[in-house]
C-alpha atoms as a PDB file:
ATOM      1  CA  MET A   1    -103.268  28.271 -12.121  1.00  0.00           C
ATOM      2  CA  THR A   2     -99.786  28.647 -13.479  1.00  0.00           C
ATOM      3  CA  GLY A   3     -97.320  29.524 -10.725  1.00  0.00           C
ATOM      4  CA  ALA A   4     -99.559  28.280  -8.107  1.00  0.00           C
ATOM      5  CA  MET A   5     -98.013  26.503  -5.118  1.00  0.00           C
ATOM      6  CA  PRO A   6     -99.531  24.667  -2.564  1.00  0.00           C
ATOM      7  CA  GLY A   7    -100.926  26.222   0.247  1.00  0.00           C
ATOM      8  CA  ARG A   8    -101.411  24.785   3.789  1.00  0.00           C
ATOM      9  CA  VAL A   9    -102.415  21.264   3.057  1.00  0.00           C
ATOM     10  CA  GLU A  10    -105.491  20.357   5.414  1.00  0.00           C
ATOM     11  CA  GLY A  11    -107.072  17.098   5.946  1.00  0.00           C
ATOM     12  CA  PRO A  12    -106.091  13.828   6.884  1.00  0.00           C
ATOM     13  CA  LEU A  13    -102.324  14.226   6.055  1.00  0.00           C
ATOM     14  CA  ASP A  14    -101.989  10.589   7.162  1.00  0.00           C
ATOM     15  CA  HIS A  15    -104.951   9.196   5.298  1.00  0.00           C
ATOM     16  CA  PRO A  16    -104.759   6.345   4.641  1.00  0.00           C
ATOM     17  CA  LEU A  17    -101.165   6.402   6.080  1.00  0.00           C
ATOM     18  CA  ARG A  18    -102.215   5.464  10.075  1.00  0.00           C
ATOM     19  CA  GLY A  19    -100.210   3.343  12.011  1.00  0.00           C
ATOM     20  CA  GLY A  20     -96.826   1.973  12.477  1.00  0.00           C
ATOM     21  CA  PRO A  21     -93.334   2.891  11.103  1.00  0.00           C
ATOM     22  CA  GLU A  22     -93.967   2.288   7.336  1.00  0.00           C
ATOM     23  CA  GLU A  23     -96.833   4.668   7.498  1.00  0.00           C
ATOM     24  CA  ALA A  24     -94.551   7.223   9.327  1.00  0.00           C
ATOM     25  CA  LYS A  25     -91.979   6.634   6.590  1.00  0.00           C
ATOM     26  CA  LEU A  26     -94.844   7.350   3.899  1.00  0.00           C
ATOM     27  CA  ALA A  27     -95.941  10.394   5.765  1.00  0.00           C
ATOM     28  CA  ALA A  28     -92.585  11.727   5.687  1.00  0.00           C
ATOM     29  CA  GLU A  29     -92.504  11.076   1.910  1.00  0.00           C
ATOM     30  CA  LEU A  30     -95.424  12.925   1.362  1.00  0.00           C
ATOM     31  CA  GLN A  31     -94.184  15.809   3.732  1.00  0.00           C
ATOM     32  CA  ALA A  32     -90.832  15.969   1.431  1.00  0.00           C
ATOM     33  CA  ALA A  33     -92.787  16.049  -1.913  1.00  0.00           C
ATOM     34  CA  ILE A  34     -94.807  19.082  -0.581  1.00  0.00           C
ATOM     35  CA  GLU A  35     -91.448  20.752   0.661  1.00  0.00           C
ATOM     36  CA  HIS A  36     -90.267  20.229  -2.888  1.00  0.00           C
ATOM     37  CA  HIS A  37     -93.447  21.696  -4.369  1.00  0.00           C
ATOM     38  CA  LYS A  38     -93.365  24.731  -2.255  1.00  0.00           C
ATOM     39  CA  ALA A  39     -89.817  25.530  -2.880  1.00  0.00           C
ATOM     40  CA  GLY A  40     -90.631  25.215  -6.894  1.00  0.00           C
ATOM     41  CA  ARG A  41     -88.727  21.915  -7.515  1.00  0.00           C
ATOM     42  CA  ILE A  42     -91.806  20.777  -9.351  1.00  0.00           C
ATOM     43  CA  ASP A  43     -90.184  17.445 -11.428  1.00  0.00           C
ATOM     44  CA  LYS A  44     -89.095  16.391  -7.960  1.00  0.00           C
ATOM     45  CA  ALA A  45     -92.297  16.989  -6.403  1.00  0.00           C
ATOM     46  CA  GLU A  46     -94.142  15.321  -9.330  1.00  0.00           C
ATOM     47  CA  ALA A  47     -91.709  12.330  -8.861  1.00  0.00           C
ATOM     48  CA  SER A  48     -92.237  11.966  -5.054  1.00  0.00           C
ATOM     49  CA  TYR A  49     -96.176  12.317  -5.518  1.00  0.00           C
ATOM     50  CA  ARG A  50     -96.180   9.385  -8.206  1.00  0.00           C
ATOM     51  CA  LYS A  51     -94.039   7.277  -6.055  1.00  0.00           C
ATOM     52  CA  LEU A  52     -96.150   7.656  -3.083  1.00  0.00           C
ATOM     53  CA  LEU A  53     -99.010   6.936  -5.195  1.00  0.00           C
ATOM     54  CA  LYS A  54     -97.692   3.452  -6.511  1.00  0.00           C
ATOM     55  CA  LYS A  55     -97.520   2.770  -2.795  1.00  0.00           C
ATOM     56  CA  VAL A  56    -100.980   4.034  -1.660  1.00  0.00           C
ATOM     57  CA  PRO A  57    -103.085   4.696  -4.414  1.00  0.00           C
ATOM     58  CA  HIS A  58    -105.452   6.881  -3.439  1.00  0.00           C
ATOM     59  CA  GLN A  59    -103.634   8.983  -1.045  1.00  0.00           C
ATOM     60  CA  PRO A  60    -105.781  12.088  -1.339  1.00  0.00           C
ATOM     61  CA  ASN A  61    -102.993  14.577  -0.429  1.00  0.00           C
ATOM     62  CA  ALA A  62    -100.758  13.189  -3.263  1.00  0.00           C
ATOM     63  CA  LEU A  63    -103.512  13.237  -5.898  1.00  0.00           C
ATOM     64  CA  HIS A  64    -104.450  16.749  -4.887  1.00  0.00           C
ATOM     65  CA  LEU A  65    -101.179  18.013  -5.195  1.00  0.00           C
ATOM     66  CA  LEU A  66    -100.380  16.143  -8.251  1.00  0.00           C
ATOM     67  CA  GLY A  67    -103.350  17.497  -9.963  1.00  0.00           C
ATOM     68  CA  VAL A  68    -102.119  20.977  -8.984  1.00  0.00           C
ATOM     69  CA  ILE A  69     -99.100  20.078 -10.782  1.00  0.00           C
ATOM     70  CA  GLU A  70    -101.029  19.027 -14.046  1.00  0.00           C
ATOM     71  CA  ALA A  71    -102.781  22.200 -13.759  1.00  0.00           C
ATOM     72  CA  GLN A  72     -99.764  24.133 -13.263  1.00  0.00           C
ATOM     73  CA  ARG A  73     -98.153  22.545 -16.424  1.00  0.00           C
ATOM     74  CA  GLY A  74    -101.641  23.446 -18.545  1.00  0.00           C
ATOM     75  CA  ASN A  75    -103.037  19.762 -18.382  1.00  0.00           C
ATOM     76  CA  ALA A  76    -106.232  21.379 -17.004  1.00  0.00           C
ATOM     77  CA  ALA A  77    -108.372  18.313 -17.530  1.00  0.00           C
ATOM     78  CA  ARG A  78    -106.053  15.868 -15.911  1.00  0.00           C
ATOM     79  CA  GLY A  79    -105.433  18.066 -12.879  1.00  0.00           C
ATOM     80  CA  VAL A  80    -109.353  18.597 -12.630  1.00  0.00           C
ATOM     81  CA  GLU A  81    -109.568  14.777 -12.492  1.00  0.00           C
ATOM     82  CA  LEU A  82    -106.904  14.042 -10.169  1.00  0.00           C
ATOM     83  CA  ILE A  83    -108.082  16.577  -7.422  1.00  0.00           C
ATOM     84  CA  SER A  84    -111.562  15.194  -7.815  1.00  0.00           C
ATOM     85  CA  GLN A  85    -110.473  12.192  -6.947  1.00  0.00           C
ATOM     86  CA  ALA A  86    -108.981  13.513  -3.647  1.00  0.00           C
ATOM     87  CA  LEU A  87    -111.967  15.702  -2.911  1.00  0.00           C
ATOM     88  CA  PRO A  88    -114.400  13.179  -0.916  1.00  0.00           C
ATOM     89  CA  ALA A  89    -111.297  12.659   1.349  1.00  0.00           C
ATOM     90  CA  LEU A  90    -110.598  16.473   1.643  1.00  0.00           C
ATOM     91  CA  GLU A  91    -113.702  18.025   1.133  1.00  0.00           C
ATOM     92  CA  LYS A  92    -113.655  20.023   4.495  1.00  0.00           C
ATOM     93  CA  ALA A  93    -109.957  21.440   3.220  1.00  0.00           C
ATOM     94  CA  PRO A  94    -110.617  24.980   1.698  1.00  0.00           C
ATOM     95  CA  GLN A  95    -107.148  24.704  -0.228  1.00  0.00           C
ATOM     96  CA  ILE A  96    -108.928  21.841  -2.590  1.00  0.00           C
ATOM     97  CA  HIS A  97    -111.995  23.911  -3.600  1.00  0.00           C
ATOM     98  CA  LEU A  98    -109.562  26.721  -4.477  1.00  0.00           C
ATOM     99  CA  ASP A  99    -107.253  24.606  -6.485  1.00  0.00           C
ATOM    100  CA  LEU A 100    -110.159  22.805  -8.450  1.00  0.00           C
ATOM    101  CA  GLY A 101    -111.693  26.108  -9.523  1.00  0.00           C
ATOM    102  CA  GLY A 102    -108.145  27.138 -10.234  1.00  0.00           C
ATOM    103  CA  ALA A 103    -107.658  24.153 -12.504  1.00  0.00           C
END
């Protein structure tokens, strides 16, 4: 999985970030983290995903993409664990299955 970048993030991007202005802010933080990841700023992406997960512990896209980073860094077991935690919420998104297999 080395060098893999997040593909199209599918599923409930706002899950469980639904509702008012605070949720919109969290969704924007997630999108910024994804942009860091796509641009290869892995350390910034990781820090952003972790910060988001402190606020919303089971946010599936943050779990999924943090798992991708773990796998990219050679920690396959941790990558599989994180991606697997996100799988129930994102099971219809092909990318998560590809990333899980890659990890």
